[in-house]
Amino acid sequence: FETMPAGHLVGGVFFIMLAIAALSSAFSILEVVVSFVIDTFDIGRVP
């Protein structure tokens, strides 16, 4: 990206896309353990 024309813009788009993808997977992994705690201990979702 450092050597490309408009490389910082292209890089910004790439890393924004990577962040979106990372968040979408991370949600699901956290949901597994949250679901276990909710089902097992009858604790609210937020806490």
All heavy atoms as atom14 arrays in JSON, in Angstrom:
{
  "sequence": "FETMPAGHLVGGVFFIMLAIAALSSAFSILEVVVSFVIDTFDIGRVP",
  "atom14_mask": [
    [1, 1, 1, 1, 1, 1, 1, 1, 1, 1, 1, 0, 0, 0],
    [1, 1, 1, 1, 1, 1, 1, 1, 1, 0, 0, 0, 0, 0],
    [1, 1, 1, 1, 1, 1, 1, 0, 0, 0, 0, 0, 0, 0],
    [1, 1, 1, 1, 1, 1, 1, 1, 0, 0, 0, 0, 0, 0],
    [1, 1, 1, 1, 1, 1, 1, 0, 0, 0, 0, 0, 0, 0],
    [1, 1, 1, 1, 1, 0, 0, 0, 0, 0, 0, 0, 0, 0],
    [1, 1, 1, 1, 0, 0, 0, 0, 0, 0, 0, 0, 0, 0],
    [1, 1, 1, 1, 1, 1, 1, 1, 1, 1, 0, 0, 0, 0],
    [1, 1, 1, 1, 1, 1, 1, 1, 0, 0, 0, 0, 0, 0],
    [1, 1, 1, 1, 1, 1, 1, 0, 0, 0, 0, 0, 0, 0],
    [1, 1, 1, 1, 0, 0, 0, 0, 0, 0, 0, 0, 0, 0],
    [1, 1, 1, 1, 0, 0, 0, 0, 0, 0, 0, 0, 0, 0],
    [1, 1, 1, 1, 1, 1, 1, 0, 0, 0, 0, 0, 0, 0],
    [1, 1, 1, 1, 1, 1, 1, 1, 1, 1, 1, 0, 0, 0],
    [1, 1, 1, 1, 1, 1, 1, 1, 1, 1, 1, 0, 0, 0],
    [1, 1, 1, 1, 1, 1, 1, 1, 0, 0, 0, 0, 0, 0],
    [1, 1, 1, 1, 1, 1, 1, 1, 0, 0, 0, 0, 0, 0],
    [1, 1, 1, 1, 1, 1, 1, 1, 0, 0, 0, 0, 0, 0],
    [1, 1, 1, 1, 1, 0, 0, 0, 0, 0, 0, 0, 0, 0],
    [1, 1, 1, 1, 1, 1, 1, 1, 0, 0, 0, 0, 0, 0],
    [1, 1, 1, 1, 1, 0, 0, 0, 0, 0, 0, 0, 0, 0],
    [1, 1, 1, 1, 1, 0, 0, 0, 0, 0, 0, 0, 0, 0],
    [1, 1, 1, 1, 1, 1, 1, 1, 0, 0, 0, 0, 0, 0],
    [1, 1, 1, 1, 1, 1, 0, 0, 0, 0, 0, 0, 0, 0],
    [1, 1, 1, 1, 1, 1, 0, 0, 0, 0, 0, 0, 0, 0],
    [1, 1, 1, 1, 1, 0, 0, 0, 0, 0, 0, 0, 0, 0],
    [1, 1, 1, 1, 1, 1, 1, 1, 1, 1, 1, 0, 0, 0],
    [1, 1, 1, 1, 1, 1, 0, 0, 0, 0, 0, 0, 0, 0],
    [1, 1, 1, 1, 1, 1, 1, 1, 0, 0, 0, 0, 0, 0],
    [1, 1, 1, 1, 1, 1, 1, 1, 0, 0, 0, 0, 0, 0],
    [1, 1, 1, 1, 1, 1, 1, 1, 1, 0, 0, 0, 0, 0],
    [1, 1, 1, 1, 1, 1, 1, 0, 0, 0, 0, 0, 0, 0],
    [1, 1, 1, 1, 1, 1, 1, 0, 0, 0, 0, 0, 0, 0],
    [1, 1, 1, 1, 1, 1, 1, 0, 0, 0, 0, 0, 0, 0],
    [1, 1, 1, 1, 1, 1, 0, 0, 0, 0, 0, 0, 0, 0],
    [1, 1, 1, 1, 1, 1, 1, 1, 1, 1, 1, 0, 0, 0],
    [1, 1, 1, 1, 1, 1, 1, 0, 0, 0, 0, 0, 0, 0],
    [1, 1, 1, 1, 1, 1, 1, 1, 0, 0, 0, 0, 0, 0],
    [1, 1, 1, 1, 1, 1, 1, 1, 0, 0, 0, 0, 0, 0],
    [1, 1, 1, 1, 1, 1, 1, 0, 0, 0, 0, 0, 0, 0],
    [1, 1, 1, 1, 1, 1, 1, 1, 1, 1, 1, 0, 0, 0],
    [1, 1, 1, 1, 1, 1, 1, 1, 0, 0, 0, 0, 0, 0],
    [1, 1, 1, 1, 1, 1, 1, 1, 0, 0, 0, 0, 0, 0],
    [1, 1, 1, 1, 0, 0, 0, 0, 0, 0, 0, 0, 0, 0],
    [1, 1, 1, 1, 1, 1, 1, 1, 1, 1, 1, 0, 0, 0],
    [1, 1, 1, 1, 1, 1, 1, 0, 0, 0, 0, 0, 0, 0],
    [1, 1, 1, 1, 1, 1, 1, 0, 0, 0, 0, 0, 0, 0]
  ],
  "atom14_positions": [
    [[0.82, -1.21, 0.0], [0.0, 0.0, 0.0], [0.86, 1.27, 0.0], [0.48, 2.28, -0.59], [-0.93, 0.01, 1.21], [-1.96, -1.09, 1.22], [-2.32, -1.72, 2.42], [-2.57, -1.53, 0.04], [-3.27, -2.74, 2.44], [-3.51, -2.55, 0.06], [-3.86, -3.15, 1.25], [0.0, 0.0, 0.0], [0.0, 0.0, 0.0], [0.0, 0.0, 0.0]],
    [[2.02, 1.21, 0.66], [2.9, 2.38, 0.73], [3.38, 2.83, -0.65], [3.66, 4.01, -0.87], [4.12, 2.07, 1.6], [3.86, 2.1, 3.09], [3.82, 3.51, 3.64], [4.87, 4.14, 3.8], [2.7, 3.99, 3.92], [0.0, 0.0, 0.0], [0.0, 0.0, 0.0], [0.0, 0.0, 0.0], [0.0, 0.0, 0.0], [0.0, 0.0, 0.0]],
    [[3.51, 1.88, -1.57], [4.08, 2.21, -2.88], [3.04, 2.33, -3.99], [3.4, 2.65, -5.12], [5.11, 1.12, -3.28], [4.46, -0.15, -3.32], [6.26, 1.06, -2.28], [0.0, 0.0, 0.0], [0.0, 0.0, 0.0], [0.0, 0.0, 0.0], [0.0, 0.0, 0.0], [0.0, 0.0, 0.0], [0.0, 0.0, 0.0], [0.0, 0.0, 0.0]],
    [[1.79, 2.07, -3.69], [0.74, 2.14, -4.71], [0.2, 3.56, -4.86], [0.17, 4.32, -3.89], [-0.44, 1.23, -4.32], [-0.21, -0.23, -4.48], [-1.7, -1.11, -3.93], [-1.12, -2.79, -4.08], [0.0, 0.0, 0.0], [0.0, 0.0, 0.0], [0.0, 0.0, 0.0], [0.0, 0.0, 0.0], [0.0, 0.0, 0.0], [0.0, 0.0, 0.0]],
    [[-0.27, 3.9, -6.05], [-1.04, 5.15, -6.19], [-2.29, 5.07, -5.31], [-2.99, 4.05, -5.33], [-1.4, 5.17, -7.67], [-0.42, 4.28, -8.34], [-0.08, 3.21, -7.33], [0.0, 0.0, 0.0], [0.0, 0.0, 0.0], [0.0, 0.0, 0.0], [0.0, 0.0, 0.0], [0.0, 0.0, 0.0], [0.0, 0.0, 0.0], [0.0, 0.0, 0.0]],
    [[-2.53, 6.11, -4.54], [-3.67, 6.13, -3.6], [-3.63, 4.93, -2.67], [-4.66, 4.42, -2.24], [-4.99, 6.17, -4.36], [0.0, 0.0, 0.0], [0.0, 0.0, 0.0], [0.0, 0.0, 0.0], [0.0, 0.0, 0.0], [0.0, 0.0, 0.0], [0.0, 0.0, 0.0], [0.0, 0.0, 0.0], [0.0, 0.0, 0.0], [0.0, 0.0, 0.0]],
    [[-2.42, 4.47, -2.34], [-2.26, 3.26, -1.54], [-2.87, 3.36, -0.16], [-3.4, 2.38, 0.36], [0.0, 0.0, 0.0], [0.0, 0.0, 0.0], [0.0, 0.0, 0.0], [0.0, 0.0, 0.0], [0.0, 0.0, 0.0], [0.0, 0.0, 0.0], [0.0, 0.0, 0.0], [0.0, 0.0, 0.0], [0.0, 0.0, 0.0], [0.0, 0.0, 0.0]],
    [[-2.8, 4.55, 0.46], [-3.37, 4.68, 1.8], [-4.88, 4.56, 1.77], [-5.49, 4.01, 2.7], [-2.95, 6.02, 2.42], [-1.49, 6.09, 2.73], [-0.84, 7.27, 3.02], [-0.54, 5.13, 2.8], [0.44, 7.03, 3.26], [0.64, 5.72, 3.11], [0.0, 0.0, 0.0], [0.0, 0.0, 0.0], [0.0, 0.0, 0.0], [0.0, 0.0, 0.0]],
    [[-5.5, 5.04, 0.7], [-6.95, 4.89, 0.57], [-7.31, 3.43, 0.36], [-8.23, 2.91, 1.0], [-7.46, 5.73, -0.61], [-8.96, 5.59, -0.93], [-9.81, 6.01, 0.26], [-9.32, 6.41, -2.17], [0.0, 0.0, 0.0], [0.0, 0.0, 0.0], [0.0, 0.0, 0.0], [0.0, 0.0, 0.0], [0.0, 0.0, 0.0], [0.0, 0.0, 0.0]],
    [[-6.57, 2.76, -0.54], [-6.82, 1.33, -0.77], [-6.59, 0.55, 0.53], [-7.36, -0.34, 0.88], [-5.91, 0.79, -1.89], [-6.1, -0.72, -2.06], [-6.2, 1.5, -3.2], [0.0, 0.0, 0.0], [0.0, 0.0, 0.0], [0.0, 0.0, 0.0], [0.0, 0.0, 0.0], [0.0, 0.0, 0.0], [0.0, 0.0, 0.0], [0.0, 0.0, 0.0]],
    [[-5.51, 0.89, 1.23], [-5.22, 0.22, 2.49], [-6.31, 0.45, 3.52], [-6.69, -0.47, 4.25], [0.0, 0.0, 0.0], [0.0, 0.0, 0.0], [0.0, 0.0, 0.0], [0.0, 0.0, 0.0], [0.0, 0.0, 0.0], [0.0, 0.0, 0.0], [0.0, 0.0, 0.0], [0.0, 0.0, 0.0], [0.0, 0.0, 0.0], [0.0, 0.0, 0.0]],
    [[-6.82, 1.69, 3.59], [-7.89, 1.97, 4.52], [-9.13, 1.14, 4.23], [-9.75, 0.59, 5.15], [0.0, 0.0, 0.0], [0.0, 0.0, 0.0], [0.0, 0.0, 0.0], [0.0, 0.0, 0.0], [0.0, 0.0, 0.0], [0.0, 0.0, 0.0], [0.0, 0.0, 0.0], [0.0, 0.0, 0.0], [0.0, 0.0, 0.0], [0.0, 0.0, 0.0]],
    [[-9.48, 1.01, 2.95], [-10.64, 0.2, 2.56], [-10.4, -1.27, 2.94], [-11.28, -1.95, 3.48], [-10.9, 0.33, 1.05], [-11.97, -0.67, 0.61], [-11.33, 1.75, 0.7], [0.0, 0.0, 0.0], [0.0, 0.0, 0.0], [0.0, 0.0, 0.0], [0.0, 0.0, 0.0], [0.0, 0.0, 0.0], [0.0, 0.0, 0.0], [0.0, 0.0, 0.0]],
    [[-9.19, -1.75, 2.67], [-8.88, -3.15, 2.98], [-9.01, -3.42, 4.48], [-9.65, -4.4, 4.9], [-7.46, -3.5, 2.53], [-7.03, -4.9, 2.92], [-7.39, -5.99, 2.15], [-6.31, -5.12, 4.09], [-7.01, -7.27, 2.52], [-5.94, -6.39, 4.47], [-6.28, -7.47, 3.68], [0.0, 0.0, 0.0], [0.0, 0.0, 0.0], [0.0, 0.0, 0.0]],
    [[-8.44, -2.56, 5.31], [-8.47, -2.81, 6.75], [-9.84, -2.56, 7.36], [-10.2, -3.2, 8.36], [-7.37, -1.99, 7.44], [-5.99, -2.52, 7.16], [-5.06, -1.76, 6.45], [-5.61, -3.78, 7.58], [-3.79, -2.25, 6.19], [-4.34, -4.29, 7.32], [-3.43, -3.52, 6.62], [0.0, 0.0, 0.0], [0.0, 0.0, 0.0], [0.0, 0.0, 0.0]],
    [[-10.64, -1.69, 6.78], [-12.03, -1.55, 7.22], [-12.79, -2.85, 6.95], [-13.53, -3.35, 7.8], [-12.71, -0.36, 6.51], [-12.17, 0.96, 7.07], [-14.23, -0.42, 6.69], [-12.65, 2.18, 6.31], [0.0, 0.0, 0.0], [0.0, 0.0, 0.0], [0.0, 0.0, 0.0], [0.0, 0.0, 0.0], [0.0, 0.0, 0.0], [0.0, 0.0, 0.0]],
    [[-12.59, -3.38, 5.75], [-13.21, -4.66, 5.4], [-12.77, -5.76, 6.35], [-13.56, -6.58, 6.82], [-12.87, -5.01, 3.95], [-13.4, -6.35, 3.46], [-12.27, -7.71, 3.81], [-10.8, -7.15, 2.95], [0.0, 0.0, 0.0], [0.0, 0.0, 0.0], [0.0, 0.0, 0.0], [0.0, 0.0, 0.0], [0.0, 0.0, 0.0], [0.0, 0.0, 0.0]],
    [[-11.47, -5.78, 6.68], [-10.93, -6.8, 7.58], [-11.52, -6.64, 8.98], [-11.83, -7.63, 9.66], [-9.41, -6.68, 7.63], [-8.64, -7.8, 8.33], [-8.97, -9.15, 7.73], [-7.14, -7.53, 8.25], [0.0, 0.0, 0.0], [0.0, 0.0, 0.0], [0.0, 0.0, 0.0], [0.0, 0.0, 0.0], [0.0, 0.0, 0.0], [0.0, 0.0, 0.0]],
    [[-11.72, -5.4, 9.41], [-12.32, -5.16, 10.73], [-13.76, -5.65, 10.78], [-14.2, -6.25, 11.77], [-12.26, -3.67, 11.07], [0.0, 0.0, 0.0], [0.0, 0.0, 0.0], [0.0, 0.0, 0.0], [0.0, 0.0, 0.0], [0.0, 0.0, 0.0], [0.0, 0.0, 0.0], [0.0, 0.0, 0.0], [0.0, 0.0, 0.0], [0.0, 0.0, 0.0]],
    [[-14.52, -5.4, 9.71], [-15.91, -5.87, 9.65], [-15.96, -7.38, 9.74], [-16.76, -7.97, 10.49], [-16.58, -5.37, 8.36], [-16.73, -3.85, 8.38], [-17.95, -6.03, 8.19], [-17.18, -3.26, 7.05], [0.0, 0.0, 0.0], [0.0, 0.0, 0.0], [0.0, 0.0, 0.0], [0.0, 0.0, 0.0], [0.0, 0.0, 0.0], [0.0, 0.0, 0.0]],
    [[-15.08, -8.04, 8.98], [-15.04, -9.5, 9.0], [-14.64, -10.02, 10.37], [-15.21, -11.0, 10.88], [-14.06, -10.0, 7.93], [0.0, 0.0, 0.0], [0.0, 0.0, 0.0], [0.0, 0.0, 0.0], [0.0, 0.0, 0.0], [0.0, 0.0, 0.0], [0.0, 0.0, 0.0], [0.0, 0.0, 0.0], [0.0, 0.0, 0.0], [0.0, 0.0, 0.0]],
    [[-13.66, -9.37, 10.99], [-13.2, -9.81, 12.31], [-14.3, -9.69, 13.35], [-14.5, -10.59, 14.17], [-11.98, -8.98, 12.73], [0.0, 0.0, 0.0], [0.0, 0.0, 0.0], [0.0, 0.0, 0.0], [0.0, 0.0, 0.0], [0.0, 0.0, 0.0], [0.0, 0.0, 0.0], [0.0, 0.0, 0.0], [0.0, 0.0, 0.0], [0.0, 0.0, 0.0]],
    [[-15.02, -8.59, 13.32], [-16.1, -8.39, 14.29], [-17.2, -9.42, 14.11], [-17.73, -9.96, 15.09], [-16.66, -6.97, 14.15], [-15.78, -5.85, 14.7], [-16.28, -4.49, 14.2], [-15.76, -5.87, 16.22], [0.0, 0.0, 0.0], [0.0, 0.0, 0.0], [0.0, 0.0, 0.0], [0.0, 0.0, 0.0], [0.0, 0.0, 0.0], [0.0, 0.0, 0.0]],
    [[-17.55, -9.73, 12.86], [-18.65, -10.67, 12.61], [-18.34, -12.05, 13.16], [-19.22, -12.76, 13.64], [-18.97, -10.74, 11.11], [-17.9, -11.32, 10.38], [0.0, 0.0, 0.0], [0.0, 0.0, 0.0], [0.0, 0.0, 0.0], [0.0, 0.0, 0.0], [0.0, 0.0, 0.0], [0.0, 0.0, 0.0], [0.0, 0.0, 0.0], [0.0, 0.0, 0.0]],
    [[-17.08, -12.47, 13.09], [-16.7, -13.76, 13.67], [-16.62, -13.7, 15.19], [-17.03, -14.64, 15.88], [-15.34, -14.2, 13.12], [-15.44, -14.63, 11.79], [0.0, 0.0, 0.0], [0.0, 0.0, 0.0], [0.0, 0.0, 0.0], [0.0, 0.0, 0.0], [0.0, 0.0, 0.0], [0.0, 0.0, 0.0], [0.0, 0.0, 0.0], [0.0, 0.0, 0.0]],
    [[-16.08, -12.6, 15.69], [-15.92, -12.48, 17.14], [-17.27, -12.5, 17.86], [-17.39, -13.05, 18.96], [-15.16, -11.2, 17.47], [0.0, 0.0, 0.0], [0.0, 0.0, 0.0], [0.0, 0.0, 0.0], [0.0, 0.0, 0.0], [0.0, 0.0, 0.0], [0.0, 0.0, 0.0], [0.0, 0.0, 0.0], [0.0, 0.0, 0.0], [0.0, 0.0, 0.0]],
    [[-18.31, -11.9, 17.24], [-19.64, -11.93, 17.84], [-20.06, -13.37, 18.12], [-20.57, -13.69, 19.19], [-20.69, -11.32, 16.9], [-20.45, -9.88, 16.53], [-20.95, -9.38, 15.35], [-19.73, -9.04, 17.36], [-20.75, -8.06, 14.99], [-19.51, -7.72, 17.02], [-20.03, -7.22, 15.83], [0.0, 0.0, 0.0], [0.0, 0.0, 0.0], [0.0, 0.0, 0.0]],
    [[-19.86, -14.22, 17.13], [-20.35, -15.6, 17.24], [-19.62, -16.38, 18.31], [-20.21, -17.2, 19.0], [-20.21, -16.3, 15.88], [-18.85, -16.44, 15.53], [0.0, 0.0, 0.0], [0.0, 0.0, 0.0], [0.0, 0.0, 0.0], [0.0, 0.0, 0.0], [0.0, 0.0, 0.0], [0.0, 0.0, 0.0], [0.0, 0.0, 0.0], [0.0, 0.0, 0.0]],
    [[-18.31, -16.15, 18.43], [-17.53, -16.89, 19.43], [-17.96, -16.48, 20.84], [-18.16, -17.32, 21.72], [-16.02, -16.65, 19.22], [-15.6, -17.11, 17.82], [-15.23, -17.43, 20.27], [-14.16, -16.76, 17.47], [0.0, 0.0, 0.0], [0.0, 0.0, 0.0], [0.0, 0.0, 0.0], [0.0, 0.0, 0.0], [0.0, 0.0, 0.0], [0.0, 0.0, 0.0]],
    [[-18.13, -15.18, 21.05], [-18.58, -14.72, 22.37], [-19.98, -15.23, 22.67], [-20.3, -15.55, 23.82], [-18.53, -13.19, 22.44], [-18.92, -12.57, 23.79], [-18.06, -13.11, 24.93], [-18.83, -11.05, 23.73], [0.0, 0.0, 0.0], [0.0, 0.0, 0.0], [0.0, 0.0, 0.0], [0.0, 0.0, 0.0], [0.0, 0.0, 0.0], [0.0, 0.0, 0.0]],
    [[-20.83, -15.32, 21.66], [-22.2, -15.78, 21.86], [-22.24, -17.19, 22.43], [-23.14, -17.54, 23.21], [-22.98, -15.72, 20.55], [-24.41, -16.25, 20.61], [-25.32, -15.43, 21.53], [-24.99, -14.26, 21.82], [-26.34, -15.98, 21.96], [0.0, 0.0, 0.0], [0.0, 0.0, 0.0], [0.0, 0.0, 0.0], [0.0, 0.0, 0.0], [0.0, 0.0, 0.0]],
    [[-21.25, -18.03, 22.09], [-21.22, -19.4, 22.6], [-21.15, -19.41, 24.12], [-21.96, -20.06, 24.8], [-20.02, -20.18, 22.01], [-19.9, -21.55, 22.69], [-20.19, -20.37, 20.52], [0.0, 0.0, 0.0], [0.0, 0.0, 0.0], [0.0, 0.0, 0.0], [0.0, 0.0, 0.0], [0.0, 0.0, 0.0], [0.0, 0.0, 0.0], [0.0, 0.0, 0.0]],
    [[-20.18, -18.7, 24.67], [-20.02, -18.72, 26.13], [-21.11, -17.91, 26.83], [-21.54, -18.26, 27.93], [-18.62, -18.23, 26.53], [-17.58, -19.29, 26.21], [-18.24, -16.92, 25.85], [0.0, 0.0, 0.0], [0.0, 0.0, 0.0], [0.0, 0.0, 0.0], [0.0, 0.0, 0.0], [0.0, 0.0, 0.0], [0.0, 0.0, 0.0], [0.0, 0.0, 0.0]],
    [[-21.59, -16.85, 26.19], [-22.7, -16.09, 26.76], [-23.95, -16.97, 26.83], [-24.68, -16.99, 27.84], [-22.97, -14.82, 25.94], [-24.31, -14.18, 26.34], [-21.85, -13.81, 26.13], [0.0, 0.0, 0.0], [0.0, 0.0, 0.0], [0.0, 0.0, 0.0], [0.0, 0.0, 0.0], [0.0, 0.0, 0.0], [0.0, 0.0, 0.0], [0.0, 0.0, 0.0]],
    [[-24.22, -17.72, 25.77], [-25.37, -18.61, 25.74], [-25.3, -19.64, 26.85], [-26.3, -19.95, 27.5], [-25.44, -19.31, 24.37], [-26.46, -20.28, 24.35], [0.0, 0.0, 0.0], [0.0, 0.0, 0.0], [0.0, 0.0, 0.0], [0.0, 0.0, 0.0], [0.0, 0.0, 0.0], [0.0, 0.0, 0.0], [0.0, 0.0, 0.0], [0.0, 0.0, 0.0]],
    [[-24.1, -20.18, 27.08], [-23.93, -21.16, 28.15], [-24.27, -20.56, 29.52], [-24.99, -21.16, 30.32], [-22.49, -21.69, 28.16], [-22.14, -22.44, 29.41], [-22.72, -23.66, 29.7], [-21.24, -21.9, 30.33], [-22.41, -24.34, 30.88], [-20.93, -22.58, 31.5], [-21.51, -23.8, 31.77], [0.0, 0.0, 0.0], [0.0, 0.0, 0.0], [0.0, 0.0, 0.0]],
    [[-23.77, -19.38, 29.79], [-24.01, -18.73, 31.08], [-25.49, -18.41, 31.26], [-26.08, -18.64, 32.33], [-23.15, -17.46, 31.22], [-23.57, -16.64, 32.44], [-21.67, -17.83, 31.32], [0.0, 0.0, 0.0], [0.0, 0.0, 0.0], [0.0, 0.0, 0.0], [0.0, 0.0, 0.0], [0.0, 0.0, 0.0], [0.0, 0.0, 0.0], [0.0, 0.0, 0.0]],
    [[-26.13, -17.9, 30.19], [-27.56, -17.57, 30.26], [-28.39, -18.82, 30.52], [-29.27, -18.84, 31.38], [-28.01, -16.88, 28.96], [-27.37, -15.49, 28.84], [-29.54, -16.74, 28.93], [-27.62, -14.82, 27.5], [0.0, 0.0, 0.0], [0.0, 0.0, 0.0], [0.0, 0.0, 0.0], [0.0, 0.0, 0.0], [0.0, 0.0, 0.0], [0.0, 0.0, 0.0]],
    [[-28.12, -19.89, 29.75], [-28.89, -21.12, 29.88], [-28.68, -21.8, 31.23], [-29.61, -22.37, 31.8], [-28.5, -22.11, 28.77], [-29.0, -21.69, 27.4], [-29.84, -20.77, 27.33], [-28.54, -22.28, 26.4], [0.0, 0.0, 0.0], [0.0, 0.0, 0.0], [0.0, 0.0, 0.0], [0.0, 0.0, 0.0], [0.0, 0.0, 0.0], [0.0, 0.0, 0.0]],
    [[-27.45, -21.76, 31.72], [-27.1, -22.55, 32.91], [-27.41, -21.83, 34.2], [-27.9, -22.44, 35.17], [-25.6, -22.9, 32.87], [-25.3, -23.57, 31.62], [-25.22, -23.81, 34.03], [0.0, 0.0, 0.0], [0.0, 0.0, 0.0], [0.0, 0.0, 0.0], [0.0, 0.0, 0.0], [0.0, 0.0, 0.0], [0.0, 0.0, 0.0], [0.0, 0.0, 0.0]],
    [[-27.15, -20.53, 34.24], [-27.26, -19.81, 35.51], [-28.4, -18.79, 35.53], [-28.58, -18.09, 36.53], [-25.94, -19.09, 35.81], [-24.75, -20.02, 35.87], [-23.83, -20.04, 34.84], [-24.6, -20.89, 36.93], [-22.74, -20.9, 34.88], [-23.51, -21.77, 36.98], [-22.58, -21.77, 35.95], [0.0, 0.0, 0.0], [0.0, 0.0, 0.0], [0.0, 0.0, 0.0]],
    [[-29.16, -18.72, 34.44], [-30.29, -17.79, 34.37], [-29.85, -16.36, 34.7], [-30.51, -15.63, 35.43], [-31.41, -18.24, 35.32], [-32.73, -17.5, 35.02], [-32.84, -16.94, 33.91], [-33.61, -17.52, 35.9], [0.0, 0.0, 0.0], [0.0, 0.0, 0.0], [0.0, 0.0, 0.0], [0.0, 0.0, 0.0], [0.0, 0.0, 0.0], [0.0, 0.0, 0.0]],
    [[-28.7, -15.97, 34.13], [-28.18, -14.62, 34.28], [-28.59, -13.81, 33.06], [-28.66, -14.33, 31.94], [-26.64, -14.64, 34.41], [-26.24, -15.35, 35.71], [-26.04, -13.23, 34.39], [-24.75, -15.52, 35.89], [0.0, 0.0, 0.0], [0.0, 0.0, 0.0], [0.0, 0.0, 0.0], [0.0, 0.0, 0.0], [0.0, 0.0, 0.0], [0.0, 0.0, 0.0]],
    [[-28.87, -12.54, 33.23], [-29.25, -11.69, 32.11], [-28.17, -11.59, 31.06], [-26.97, -11.72, 31.36], [0.0, 0.0, 0.0], [0.0, 0.0, 0.0], [0.0, 0.0, 0.0], [0.0, 0.0, 0.0], [0.0, 0.0, 0.0], [0.0, 0.0, 0.0], [0.0, 0.0, 0.0], [0.0, 0.0, 0.0], [0.0, 0.0, 0.0], [0.0, 0.0, 0.0]],
    [[-28.56, -11.32, 29.82], [-27.61, -11.27, 28.71], [-26.56, -10.18, 28.91], [-25.38, -10.4, 28.66], [-28.36, -11.06, 27.38], [-27.44, -10.85, 26.18], [-28.22, -10.87, 24.89], [-28.61, -12.24, 24.54], [-27.84, -13.05, 23.81], [-26.66, -12.65, 23.38], [-28.25, -14.26, 23.52], [0.0, 0.0, 0.0], [0.0, 0.0, 0.0], [0.0, 0.0, 0.0]],
    [[-26.97, -9.01, 29.34], [-26.02, -7.9, 29.46], [-24.93, -8.17, 30.49], [-23.73, -8.08, 30.18], [-26.75, -6.57, 29.76], [-25.74, -5.46, 30.05], [-27.62, -6.18, 28.56], [0.0, 0.0, 0.0], [0.0, 0.0, 0.0], [0.0, 0.0, 0.0], [0.0, 0.0, 0.0], [0.0, 0.0, 0.0], [0.0, 0.0, 0.0], [0.0, 0.0, 0.0]],
    [[-25.28, -8.53, 31.76], [-24.2, -8.81, 32.72], [-23.35, -10.01, 32.33], [-22.13, -10.01, 32.57], [-24.94, -9.05, 34.04], [-26.36, -9.31, 33.67], [-26.6, -8.57, 32.4], [0.0, 0.0, 0.0], [0.0, 0.0, 0.0], [0.0, 0.0, 0.0], [0.0, 0.0, 0.0], [0.0, 0.0, 0.0], [0.0, 0.0, 0.0], [0.0, 0.0, 0.0]]
  ]
}
